[in-house]
Structure formats: C-alpha cells, structure tokens
Protein backbone atom coordinates (compact mmCIF):
# COMPACT_ATOMS: atom_id res chain seq x y z
CA MET A 1 52.25 43.08 -37.34
CA PRO A 2 50.69 41.74 -34.11
CA LYS A 3 46.97 42.30 -33.97
CA GLU A 4 45.64 44.66 -31.28
CA THR A 5 42.04 44.56 -30.04
CA ALA A 6 40.06 45.91 -27.09
CA THR A 7 37.23 44.64 -24.90
CA ASP A 8 35.75 45.37 -21.50
CA VAL A 9 36.27 41.93 -19.92
CA LEU A 10 38.63 39.15 -20.99
CA ILE A 11 37.66 35.76 -19.50
CA CYS A 12 40.33 33.08 -19.55
CA GLY A 13 38.78 29.60 -19.29
CA ALA A 14 35.51 28.27 -20.76
CA GLY A 15 34.48 25.84 -18.03
CA ALA A 16 31.53 26.29 -15.69
CA ALA A 17 32.84 29.49 -14.05
CA GLY A 18 33.84 31.16 -17.32
CA LEU A 19 30.62 30.20 -19.08
CA SER A 20 28.48 31.39 -16.15
CA LEU A 21 30.23 34.75 -16.13
CA ALA A 22 29.98 35.02 -19.91
CA ILE A 23 26.23 34.32 -19.93
CA ASP A 24 25.67 36.92 -17.22
CA LEU A 25 27.73 39.56 -19.02
CA ALA A 26 26.11 38.75 -22.38
CA ARG A 27 22.58 39.26 -21.11
CA ARG A 28 23.68 42.64 -19.72
CA GLY A 29 25.16 43.77 -23.04
CA VAL A 30 28.75 43.91 -21.73
CA ASP A 31 31.52 43.63 -24.31
CA PHE A 32 33.75 40.63 -23.47
CA ARG A 33 35.90 37.84 -24.87
CA LEU A 34 35.87 34.23 -23.62
CA ILE A 35 39.06 32.35 -24.51
CA GLU A 36 40.03 28.73 -23.81
CA LYS A 37 43.46 27.15 -24.22
CA ALA A 38 42.07 23.71 -25.11
CA GLU A 39 41.29 23.10 -28.76
CA THR A 40 37.92 21.47 -28.00
CA PRO A 41 35.38 21.50 -25.15
CA PHE A 42 36.00 19.31 -22.11
CA ALA A 43 34.68 15.80 -22.86
CA GLY A 44 34.37 14.31 -19.36
CA SER A 45 32.03 14.26 -16.39
CA ARG A 46 34.33 15.24 -13.52
CA GLY A 47 31.33 17.10 -12.10
CA LYS A 48 27.88 15.60 -12.57
CA GLY A 49 25.64 17.01 -9.81
CA ILE A 50 23.63 20.20 -10.25
CA GLN A 51 22.59 21.30 -6.77
CA PRO A 52 19.21 22.99 -6.12
CA ARG A 53 20.76 26.45 -5.72
CA SER A 54 22.45 26.08 -9.10
CA GLN A 55 19.17 24.93 -10.60
CA GLU A 56 17.71 28.25 -9.49
CA ILE A 57 20.54 30.06 -11.25
CA PHE A 58 19.95 28.05 -14.41
CA GLU A 59 16.28 29.06 -14.23
CA ASP A 60 17.40 32.68 -14.12
CA TYR A 61 19.62 32.00 -17.16
CA GLY A 62 16.63 30.47 -18.97
CA ILE A 63 18.00 26.93 -19.34
CA VAL A 64 16.87 24.91 -16.32
CA ASP A 65 14.27 23.02 -18.37
CA ARG A 66 16.93 22.08 -20.93
CA LEU A 67 19.11 20.67 -18.17
CA PHE A 68 16.26 18.59 -16.75
CA ALA A 69 15.55 17.31 -20.25
CA THR A 70 19.26 16.54 -20.72
CA GLY A 71 19.96 14.77 -17.42
CA GLY A 72 17.89 13.04 -14.79
CA PRO A 73 17.49 12.26 -11.08
CA TYR A 74 20.16 10.45 -9.10
CA PRO A 75 19.48 6.70 -8.96
CA PRO A 76 19.39 4.76 -5.69
CA ILE A 77 22.71 3.57 -4.30
CA ARG A 78 23.04 -0.20 -4.56
CA GLY A 79 25.55 -1.49 -2.02
CA TYR A 80 26.79 -5.03 -2.55
CA GLY A 81 27.89 -7.46 0.14
CA GLN A 82 30.69 -9.97 -0.27
CA ASP A 83 28.12 -12.71 -0.97
CA GLY A 84 26.66 -10.77 -3.91
CA SER A 85 23.54 -9.63 -2.06
CA PHE A 86 22.67 -5.96 -2.22
CA VAL A 87 20.61 -3.26 -0.57
CA ASP A 88 19.27 -0.16 -2.32
CA SER A 89 19.20 3.12 -0.41
CA PRO A 90 18.31 6.69 -1.39
CA PHE A 91 21.07 9.12 -2.32
CA GLY A 92 19.90 11.81 0.10
CA ASP A 93 17.06 13.10 2.24
CA ALA A 94 15.38 15.55 -0.15
CA ARG A 95 11.67 15.69 0.67
CA GLY A 96 10.31 17.34 -2.42
CA PRO A 97 9.81 20.93 -3.57
CA THR A 98 8.08 23.59 -1.51
CA ALA A 99 6.67 27.00 -2.33
CA ALA A 100 9.89 28.66 -1.13
CA GLU A 101 12.26 26.03 -2.59
CA PRO A 102 11.01 24.80 -5.98
CA TYR A 103 14.12 22.65 -6.53
CA SER A 104 14.83 20.22 -3.72
CA ALA A 105 17.17 17.50 -4.99
CA PRO A 106 20.38 17.41 -7.01
CA LEU A 107 20.04 16.79 -10.72
CA MET A 108 22.53 14.52 -12.47
CA VAL A 109 23.91 16.04 -15.67
CA PRO A 110 27.41 15.04 -16.83
CA GLN A 111 29.70 18.06 -16.95
CA PHE A 112 30.23 17.92 -20.70
CA LEU A 113 26.47 18.09 -21.25
CA THR A 114 25.98 20.91 -18.71
CA GLU A 115 28.65 22.97 -20.43
CA ALA A 116 27.14 22.19 -23.85
CA VAL A 117 23.78 23.59 -22.69
CA MET A 118 25.56 26.68 -21.33
CA ARG A 119 27.41 27.22 -24.62
CA GLU A 120 24.09 26.93 -26.45
CA ARG A 121 22.59 29.64 -24.25
CA LEU A 122 25.65 31.82 -24.76
CA ALA A 123 25.30 31.42 -28.53
CA GLU A 124 21.68 32.55 -28.31
CA LEU A 125 22.99 35.69 -26.62
CA GLY A 126 25.40 36.29 -29.50
CA HIS A 127 28.70 34.95 -28.14
CA ARG A 128 30.88 31.84 -28.40
CA PRO A 129 34.02 30.62 -26.61
CA GLU A 130 37.23 30.95 -28.59
CA PHE A 131 38.90 27.53 -28.35
CA GLY A 132 42.60 27.07 -29.00
CA ARG A 133 43.34 30.59 -27.72
CA GLU A 134 45.95 30.63 -24.95
CA LEU A 135 46.74 33.50 -22.63
CA THR A 136 50.53 33.70 -22.49
CA GLY A 137 51.10 36.90 -20.52
CA PHE A 138 49.49 40.04 -19.15
CA ALA A 139 50.28 43.27 -17.36
CA GLN A 140 47.93 45.69 -15.67
CA ASP A 141 47.89 49.39 -14.94
CA ALA A 142 45.44 51.84 -13.43
CA GLU A 143 43.18 51.79 -16.49
CA GLY A 144 43.14 48.17 -17.55
CA VAL A 145 44.98 44.97 -18.48
CA THR A 146 47.11 44.30 -21.54
CA ALA A 147 47.00 40.58 -22.35
CA GLN A 148 48.90 38.51 -24.89
CA VAL A 149 46.72 35.89 -26.58
CA GLY A 150 48.78 34.11 -29.23
CA ASN A 151 49.92 36.79 -31.67
CA GLU A 152 47.13 39.12 -30.55
CA THR A 153 47.39 41.86 -27.94
CA VAL A 154 44.09 42.35 -26.10
CA ARG A 155 43.46 45.47 -24.08
CA ALA A 156 40.72 44.84 -21.48
CA ARG A 157 39.27 46.83 -18.63
CA TYR A 158 39.28 43.64 -16.51
CA LEU A 159 40.72 40.12 -16.74
CA VAL A 160 39.12 37.07 -15.09
CA GLY A 161 41.15 33.90 -14.61
CA ALA A 162 38.71 30.98 -14.71
CA ASP A 163 41.46 28.69 -15.96
CA GLY A 164 41.35 25.82 -13.50
CA GLY A 165 43.38 24.46 -10.62
CA ARG A 166 46.71 25.00 -12.40
CA SER A 167 45.67 28.56 -13.24
CA PHE A 168 48.16 30.52 -15.32
CA VAL A 169 46.48 33.75 -14.20
CA ARG A 170 46.86 32.92 -10.51
CA HIS A 171 50.50 31.93 -11.04
CA GLU A 172 51.31 35.16 -12.90
CA LEU A 173 49.62 37.22 -10.19
CA GLY A 174 51.79 35.55 -7.56
CA VAL A 175 48.74 34.70 -5.44
CA ASP A 176 49.47 31.97 -2.89
CA PHE A 177 47.36 28.80 -3.05
CA PRO A 178 47.73 27.29 0.42
CA GLY A 179 46.10 24.08 1.55
CA GLU A 180 46.92 20.44 1.97
CA THR A 181 47.10 17.19 0.10
CA LEU A 182 44.56 14.76 1.52
CA GLY A 183 46.51 11.52 1.22
CA ALA A 184 44.10 10.16 -1.37
CA ARG A 185 44.46 9.31 -5.04
CA ALA A 186 41.61 8.21 -7.26
CA ILE A 187 40.56 7.31 -10.75
CA VAL A 188 37.50 8.67 -12.50
CA ALA A 189 36.52 7.48 -15.96
CA ASP A 190 33.56 7.68 -18.31
CA VAL A 191 33.10 4.35 -20.05
CA GLU A 192 30.80 2.22 -22.14
CA LEU A 193 30.32 -1.11 -20.41
CA GLU A 194 28.32 -4.31 -20.39
CA GLY A 195 27.26 -6.30 -17.33
CA LEU A 196 25.47 -3.80 -15.08
CA SER A 197 21.96 -2.34 -15.07
CA ALA A 198 21.48 1.41 -15.37
CA ASP A 199 18.84 1.60 -12.63
CA ALA A 200 21.25 2.08 -9.72
CA TRP A 201 24.57 3.54 -8.64
CA HIS A 202 26.52 0.33 -8.01
CA ARG A 203 29.01 0.30 -5.12
CA PHE A 204 31.34 -2.56 -4.17
CA GLY A 205 33.85 -2.98 -1.35
CA LEU A 206 35.08 -0.70 1.39
CA GLY A 207 38.07 1.49 2.12
CA SER A 208 40.92 1.32 -0.36
CA ARG A 209 39.22 -1.59 -2.18
CA GLN A 210 35.94 0.16 -2.95
CA ILE A 211 34.67 1.04 -6.41
CA SER A 212 31.51 2.67 -7.70
CA LEU A 213 29.96 2.54 -11.14
CA CYS A 214 27.30 5.19 -11.69
CA PRO A 215 25.10 5.41 -14.80
CA LEU A 216 25.40 8.90 -16.26
CA ALA A 217 21.94 10.32 -16.85
CA GLY A 218 21.24 11.35 -20.42
CA THR A 219 23.96 9.08 -21.83
CA PRO A 220 24.67 5.36 -22.30
CA LEU A 221 27.82 5.79 -20.20
CA PHE A 222 28.87 4.82 -16.68
CA GLN A 223 31.27 6.76 -14.49
CA ILE A 224 33.84 4.68 -12.63
CA GLN A 225 35.19 6.11 -9.38
CA ALA A 226 37.68 4.31 -7.16
CA PRO A 227 40.64 4.98 -4.88
CA VAL A 228 44.02 3.84 -6.19
CA PRO A 229 47.46 3.59 -4.54
CA LEU A 230 49.30 6.86 -3.97
CA GLU A 231 52.16 5.71 -6.22
CA GLY A 232 52.37 3.78 -9.46
CA GLY A 233 50.67 3.79 -12.82
CA VAL A 234 47.06 2.94 -13.58
CA ASP A 235 46.08 1.34 -16.89
CA VAL A 236 43.09 3.35 -18.16
CA THR A 237 42.66 1.48 -21.44
CA ALA A 238 39.45 -0.50 -21.92
CA ALA A 239 41.32 -3.74 -21.21
CA GLY A 240 43.07 -2.29 -18.17
CA LEU A 241 39.86 -0.94 -16.67
CA SER A 242 38.01 -4.21 -17.39
CA ALA A 243 40.64 -6.05 -15.32
CA PHE A 244 40.53 -3.36 -12.60
CA VAL A 245 36.72 -3.50 -12.33
CA ALA A 246 36.68 -7.32 -12.32
CA GLU A 247 39.29 -7.42 -9.57
CA ARG A 248 37.38 -4.92 -7.38
CA THR A 249 33.87 -6.29 -7.98
CA GLY A 250 34.39 -9.99 -8.60
CA ARG A 251 32.02 -9.67 -11.55
CA ASP A 252 32.30 -10.12 -15.29
CA ILE A 253 31.86 -6.49 -16.37
CA MET A 254 33.27 -5.67 -19.77
CA ILE A 255 34.51 -2.16 -20.58
CA HIS A 256 34.00 -1.62 -24.31
CA SER A 257 35.46 1.88 -24.61
CA VAL A 258 36.89 4.68 -22.47
CA ILE A 259 35.55 8.14 -23.36
CA TRP A 260 37.60 10.03 -20.77
CA ALA A 261 39.73 9.09 -17.76
CA SER A 262 41.77 10.85 -15.10
CA VAL A 263 43.98 9.66 -12.25
CA TYR A 264 44.48 12.42 -9.71
CA SER A 265 45.68 13.16 -6.18
CA MET A 266 43.16 14.97 -4.00
CA SER A 267 43.91 18.24 -2.26
CA ALA A 268 42.02 21.12 -0.68
CA ARG A 269 43.40 24.58 -1.50
CA LEU A 270 42.08 28.14 -1.41
CA ALA A 271 43.66 31.18 -3.04
CA ASP A 272 44.77 33.87 -0.62
CA ARG A 273 42.72 36.41 -2.53
CA TYR A 274 40.38 36.52 -5.51
CA GLN A 275 41.29 40.01 -6.74
CA VAL A 276 44.54 41.77 -7.54
CA GLY A 277 43.79 45.17 -9.04
CA ARG A 278 41.84 44.61 -12.24
CA VAL A 279 42.35 40.84 -12.31
CA PHE A 280 40.05 38.29 -10.67
CA LEU A 281 40.09 34.55 -10.00
CA ALA A 282 36.98 32.38 -10.38
CA GLY A 283 36.18 28.69 -10.16
CA ASP A 284 38.96 26.16 -9.64
CA ALA A 285 41.54 28.90 -10.15
CA GLY A 286 40.53 30.06 -6.67
CA HIS A 287 39.63 26.76 -4.99
CA THR A 288 40.40 23.06 -5.51
CA HIS A 289 38.95 20.23 -3.46
CA PRO A 290 37.97 16.56 -3.52
CA PRO A 291 34.86 15.86 -5.64
CA THR A 292 32.85 14.53 -2.70
CA GLY A 293 29.51 16.23 -2.16
CA GLY A 294 29.11 17.57 -5.69
CA GLN A 295 30.19 21.08 -4.70
CA GLY A 296 32.93 22.09 -7.14
CA LEU A 297 31.12 22.80 -10.39
CA ASN A 298 28.30 24.46 -8.46
CA THR A 299 30.62 26.72 -6.48
CA SER A 300 32.42 27.69 -9.69
CA LEU A 301 29.14 28.47 -11.43
CA GLN A 302 28.10 30.68 -8.52
CA ASP A 303 31.45 32.52 -8.58
CA GLY A 304 30.64 33.69 -12.11
CA TYR A 305 27.06 34.53 -11.12
CA ASN A 306 28.29 36.74 -8.27
CA LEU A 307 30.99 38.52 -10.26
CA GLY A 308 28.97 39.15 -13.42
CA TRP A 309 26.49 41.73 -12.14
CA LYS A 310 29.21 43.54 -10.20
CA LEU A 311 31.50 43.92 -13.22
CA ALA A 312 28.56 45.11 -15.31
CA ALA A 313 27.53 47.63 -12.65
CA VAL A 314 31.03 49.13 -12.37
CA LEU A 315 31.41 49.26 -16.15
CA GLY A 316 28.08 51.12 -16.12
CA GLY A 317 29.29 53.71 -13.63
CA ALA A 318 28.94 52.16 -10.16
CA PRO A 319 31.78 52.81 -7.69
CA GLU A 320 34.72 50.49 -8.28
CA THR A 321 34.70 49.57 -4.59
CA LEU A 322 31.74 47.30 -5.40
CA LEU A 323 34.20 44.81 -6.93
CA ALA A 324 35.88 44.21 -3.56
CA THR A 325 32.68 42.49 -2.39
CA TYR A 326 33.37 39.60 -4.78
CA ASP A 327 36.31 38.37 -2.68
CA ALA A 328 34.52 39.22 0.57
CA GLU A 329 31.47 37.15 -0.37
CA ARG A 330 32.86 34.23 -2.37
CA ARG A 331 36.06 33.24 -0.54
CA PRO A 332 34.24 32.36 2.72
CA ILE A 333 31.79 30.26 0.72
CA ALA A 334 34.68 28.35 -0.88
CA ALA A 335 36.40 27.88 2.48
CA GLY A 336 33.28 26.27 3.90
CA MET A 337 32.88 24.10 0.82
CA LEU A 338 36.46 22.83 1.09
CA GLY A 339 35.96 21.82 4.70
CA MET A 340 32.74 19.98 3.94
CA ALA A 341 34.18 18.17 0.90
CA ALA A 342 37.16 16.99 2.95
CA ARG A 343 34.86 15.70 5.70
CA LEU A 344 32.66 13.89 3.18
CA LEU A 345 35.78 12.31 1.69
CA GLU A 346 36.60 10.75 5.06
CA GLU A 347 33.03 9.47 5.31
CA MET A 348 33.21 8.04 1.81
CA LYS A 349 36.36 6.11 2.71
CA GLN A 350 34.17 4.29 5.24
CA GLY A 351 31.54 3.56 2.60
CA THR A 352 29.08 6.39 3.43
CA ILE A 353 27.79 8.46 0.52
CA TRP A 354 24.69 10.03 2.14
CA ARG A 355 24.04 13.62 1.08
CA GLY A 356 22.05 15.95 3.32
CA ARG A 357 20.72 19.49 3.06
CA GLU A 358 24.09 21.15 3.56
CA THR A 359 25.23 19.96 0.11
CA ARG A 360 22.29 21.61 -1.71
CA GLN A 361 23.65 25.14 -1.12
CA LEU A 362 20.24 26.66 -0.41
CA ASP A 363 21.35 27.95 2.99
CA LEU A 364 24.48 29.72 1.76
CA GLY A 365 24.40 33.50 1.89
CA TYR A 366 26.24 36.73 2.50
CA ALA A 367 25.01 37.88 5.90
CA GLY A 368 27.14 40.56 7.50
CA THR A 369 28.88 41.70 4.34
CA SER A 370 28.92 45.31 3.15
CA LEU A 371 26.07 44.63 0.70
CA THR A 372 23.53 43.98 3.47
CA LEU A 373 21.23 46.66 4.86
CA GLN A 374 18.88 45.82 7.70
CA ALA A 375 17.95 48.39 10.32
CA ARG A 376 16.62 46.11 13.05
CA GLU A 377 16.56 42.54 14.24
CA ARG A 378 13.77 40.43 12.84
CA ALA A 379 12.54 36.85 12.70
CA GLY A 380 12.71 34.86 9.48
CA VAL A 381 14.81 35.77 6.47
CA GLN A 382 17.62 38.28 6.88
CA ALA A 383 19.53 40.60 4.59
CA GLY A 384 22.20 38.44 2.94
CA ASP A 385 20.02 35.33 2.76
CA ARG A 386 18.92 33.64 -0.44
CA ALA A 387 15.60 35.20 -1.52
CA PRO A 388 12.87 32.53 -1.31
CA ASP A 389 10.44 31.81 -4.10
CA ALA A 390 6.67 32.10 -3.57
CA PRO A 391 3.60 31.59 -5.75
CA VAL A 392 1.58 34.79 -6.02
CA ARG A 393 -1.20 36.13 -8.23
CA SER A 394 -1.09 39.25 -10.35
CA ALA A 395 -3.71 41.94 -9.87
CA ALA A 396 -5.10 40.79 -13.22
CA GLY A 397 -5.66 37.33 -11.74
CA LEU A 398 -2.81 35.41 -13.39
CA ALA A 399 -0.72 32.94 -11.40
CA THR A 400 3.00 33.66 -11.25
CA ARG A 401 6.05 33.15 -8.99
CA LEU A 402 8.58 35.47 -7.44
CA PHE A 403 11.40 33.69 -9.31
CA LEU A 404 9.73 34.64 -12.60
CA LEU A 405 9.61 38.26 -11.42
CA PHE A 406 13.28 38.12 -10.39
CA GLN A 407 14.39 36.51 -13.68
CA GLY A 408 16.77 38.73 -15.60
CA PRO A 409 19.61 41.14 -14.84
CA HIS A 410 17.59 43.66 -12.82
CA TRP A 411 17.17 44.36 -9.11
CA THR A 412 13.70 43.72 -7.62
CA LEU A 413 12.11 45.74 -4.82
CA LEU A 414 9.14 44.06 -3.13
CA GLY A 415 6.89 46.09 -0.85
CA TYR A 416 4.21 44.70 1.45
CA GLU A 417 1.14 46.92 1.81
CA ALA A 418 3.58 49.72 0.95
CA ASP A 419 3.30 53.08 -0.79
CA ARG A 420 4.72 52.55 -4.27
CA ALA A 421 5.38 56.28 -4.64
CA ALA A 422 7.88 56.12 -1.76
CA VAL A 423 10.61 54.83 -4.10
CA ALA A 424 11.46 56.74 -7.26
CA PRO A 425 11.55 54.65 -10.45
CA ARG A 426 14.98 54.15 -11.97
CA PRO A 427 16.70 52.03 -14.62
CA GLY A 428 17.64 48.54 -13.48
CA LEU A 429 15.06 48.34 -10.68
CA ARG A 430 11.62 46.73 -10.83
CA VAL A 431 9.24 47.67 -8.05
CA ARG A 432 6.37 45.34 -7.13
CA VAL A 433 3.91 45.78 -4.27
CA VAL A 434 2.09 42.90 -2.57
CA GLY A 435 -1.22 43.61 -0.90
CA SER A 436 -4.55 45.34 -1.24
CA ARG A 437 -3.09 48.35 -3.08
CA GLY A 438 -0.47 46.42 -4.96
CA ASP A 439 -0.02 44.70 -8.29
CA LEU A 440 0.56 41.30 -6.63
CA VAL A 441 -1.82 39.31 -4.42
CA ASP A 442 -0.63 36.85 -1.77
CA ASP A 443 -3.95 35.02 -1.54
CA CYS A 444 -2.39 31.74 -0.32
CA GLY A 445 -0.03 33.39 2.16
CA HIS A 446 3.16 31.97 0.64
CA PHE A 447 4.84 35.36 0.30
CA GLN A 448 4.25 36.26 3.93
CA ASN A 449 5.28 32.79 5.10
CA ALA A 450 8.59 33.25 3.29
CA TYR A 451 9.36 36.90 4.06
CA GLY A 452 7.32 37.87 7.11
CA LEU A 453 7.18 41.59 6.28
CA SER A 454 5.23 44.14 8.27
CA PRO A 455 2.95 46.57 6.43
CA GLY A 456 5.03 49.29 4.81
CA GLU A 457 8.25 47.22 4.73
CA TRP A 458 10.38 46.63 1.65
CA VAL A 459 12.76 43.81 0.67
CA LEU A 460 15.39 44.44 -2.02
CA VAL A 461 16.48 41.40 -4.04
CA ARG A 462 19.85 41.52 -5.78
CA PRO A 463 20.31 40.41 -9.41
CA ASP A 464 21.83 37.15 -8.12
CA GLY A 465 18.82 36.25 -6.01
CA TYR A 466 20.04 37.27 -2.54
CA ILE A 467 18.39 39.77 -0.22
CA GLY A 468 20.31 43.03 -0.22
CA ALA A 469 18.13 45.06 2.13
CA ILE A 470 15.06 44.89 4.36
CA VAL A 471 13.82 48.34 5.34
CA GLY A 472 10.81 50.08 6.78
CA PRO A 473 9.05 53.19 5.42
CA THR A 474 11.28 55.55 7.44
CA GLU A 475 14.48 54.02 6.01
CA ILE A 476 13.89 54.87 2.35
CA PRO A 477 16.80 57.39 2.34
CA ALA A 478 19.19 54.58 3.42
CA LEU A 479 17.74 52.37 0.70
CA ASN A 480 18.33 55.10 -1.89
CA ARG A 481 21.96 55.43 -0.77
CA TYR A 482 22.40 51.66 -1.01
CA LEU A 483 21.00 51.61 -4.55
CA ALA A 484 23.26 54.48 -5.63
CA ALA A 485 26.30 52.60 -4.27
CA VAL A 486 25.54 49.60 -6.48
CA GLY A 487 24.89 51.66 -9.60
CA VAL A 488 21.09 51.89 -9.40
CA ALA A 489 20.71 55.60 -8.74
CA ALA A 490 17.50 57.50 -9.36
CA PRO A 491 17.68 59.87 -12.36
CA GLU A 492 18.32 63.46 -11.38
CA ARG A 493 15.33 65.74 -11.62
CA PRO A 494 15.52 68.20 -14.48
CA PRO A 495 16.03 71.79 -13.34
CA GLY A 496 13.11 74.14 -13.14
C-alpha cells in the first residue's frame, strides 16, 4: 500500500532557497520535510558570491565564520591586452566594515561549498535533505496540500516550490513566468587547469571573444566563463575546453579535468505571483536572471529567510493574512534584481565588471509594505529598512553588538531612554533598553548614530533583521496591535 505521512511544511528543492527556509524552520521547531529530485547535491559553482547582506543572514544562522573559513576574498581583476601586458584592478569599491555594516565586501564561496555548510548547519538542527525524492503531483484544499512523492503521499499544511528555474511546482500551479531572453548564451565550467596563477581573476578579450578564468576560493579549481554563439554545440570535455581557452587567450593553458560545466541561454523572468493558496514559490522558481552581479543565490537565500518566520508564525497561531506579505515584499526585490543583472550583463559585454554598493544588497528593504509602522516622518533609518548593527556595552560592562542581540528566531524591541514597563513581556519578544536606566550602554554613540531615536522612542526589529516599527511612548497601543498581528501577542491576564 502507498505510504501516507504528514508534516507542516513540505519544501521541494534543496538549493540555497530551500536550505535557507529549512534552517529557519528547524531553529523554530517547525515540522517539515526537505526533498530534492537530484540523487546527489549540486556539484558546481554557478553562484560564488556571498553579498554582505547574506553574510549578515549567515551570522544569524550561526555559520558566517565557517563560510569565511571555507572561501575567501575576491581577487583583483587582471585584464590582459593583445600584447600580453596586463593591468590589475579591484573588483569593487568596498571601503571596509563600519559599526553599522560589519560586512562590507562580497565573499567568494563556490556554491557547492556554501550549500555544504548550510547542510551541515541543518544537520546540527536535526534535519537532512532527502535526495532522490521527486515531487510528481499535488493538490490543495482549504486545510492543506496533498503531495505525491514517489510512492508516498505527503499531507502538508503548506508546500514551498524551491525547485529551480524549470520549477515543477510553478508549472503545476499554472503561474505565468513572463520575461525575455537576453540574446546571450554562455558557458560556465569548474575545471582543474595548469598555466595560470591563482592570485587574480584573469580576463582576456572583449565582446563575443572575451573569456574569464577565476580561481575559486577554498578549492584548487578555476571557473571558466565566456560567451558562446547562440547556436551550435560546445565541447565541454577537458580537451575541448583546452582548445577553447587557447583560442580565446592565445596562451598554453591546459585543462586537466572538468568537474562541472553548463552551456545556457540567458533570460530574465519573474513569476506573476509567489503564492497560490497554500503553495509558495521561492528562489529560481520565482525569478531567473543572468548571473552578472552575483545576485541570484543571495536573492534566493533571502526568499527563504523572509518566508520562514512568517510560516512559523502562522503555524503558531498568527493570522494567515501574514503570509500575503511574502509576495508583497519579495517580488519587488526580485524585479529590481532582474533589471540590475540585465544592465550589468550589457556592461560586461563591453568588458566592465566593476561592482558597486548596489550589488551588496544592504540598502534593500520593505518600506511602505503592510509590515511597517511609523507614526511620523523622521530623519535616518525608517520602518522597513535593514536594521543596522552597532557596538554597545552591557550594563555589566561587557562589550557586545546589536547583531548578537538580534541573533535567533525572536523579535527584538529596542528602547532609548524608555520605560521598560511600558511594553508587557511576551513569548518571542526580547526587550532591551539603551540609556541611563537601561541594560545597554551606548558609550561610543554608535547606536544613536545608526538609529537616531529620541528619548522614550522604541524600534522593533523583525526576526529577519528589518525594522518593523518605530514608535513613541504614546503609540504603544499601536505597537501592541502590530505585535498581535504577527503572532507576538501579550499573554492574557488571569481573571481576578
């Protein structure tokens, strides 16, 4: 007889989006399954850049140090002239960490190593992806989703399709995936080679004749990237790539082995919606794009980070309307990312690979969405913005940082010279007060530089590190209503 099982959330796809969502659900104690059609983990480095905003998320997940130990900084770009001369230039304009932004530059970690670190963290939390498990059908009703996984029927409260650009879940939902092909086709390959140093990202040629060979931090491998004709086959064997590289570079560079290779046509597409009833799309299932700018893996990771706390809150009793904010917040982010990646692709065709602040994702936010509460106009940070970090000191004299106080699945309420008794304690909320009567001391002024609060004001930081509300002492009732709407209600007082 077919096996029947039940879970709260079924995640289809164990890439960056699926793993991010799984880690977030696991640390909240949510019952879920993570299935993956492939028999083994992805072995390539299609995505290799971890942007500063994603580094902050990995700190929250407890694995940022492992990723820094696994990968490394981006090397300088070495551009070669036709005469063999070269010039080294920096990859971007990052100026170093600040008190508010502790991570300032992208980190290079090949995708297969990033996902390996994420699976390790998930295992520590008691879960593992189920490889070789394919979703073959599903149907939903008012109470949940019935999914067919091989010979097993899985009943789930929610289903999340994180199953890539050719998403089965998106196709079965009938969600349109409009966009455009970008008239570009490329090869990307991870190889072992001989004939180039690993101290630079080597770039030869321009336009349709260009090729780059980038050493992959944490490995002995290089990644080859190059445009190829729109039609025709490409030989991705070691011999074929050796001839291809020699023809593009004019150098004797020997490819010893090919670990992974892909020839693909670039497009930019965005799903019409990320939610249909109890089914959601995340990662490349909702957005595909050229790889320029190192945005894809990061955007997918942040999809899972946004959806995780909302699913957990609703499963814990929060109003189901909270889930509609996932589409409202994440689709505009993806739309902006697609436009930027397409623009950077055109720049790359002309030989420009400079990466500025816009690619680091620190300025992305959710201003103006239904999860923002701010009673008046103010200078500085706004509700919906990313919550800055700041070094502070505990009342006991120990040095700490806001990010360490935010770390974990809880909400954080920060008051400045505020009355702690104004907000009732409740599960899922940690209240900290900065100032003379508080448990935190801003003796270097970094907190006030970042937040600019007036005495008596409060800033509410969401579990995903964005500012949900900024309120004054007279707006505590509105704050209480906000918290109740996201599942963080104060316990009822006992009668009598």
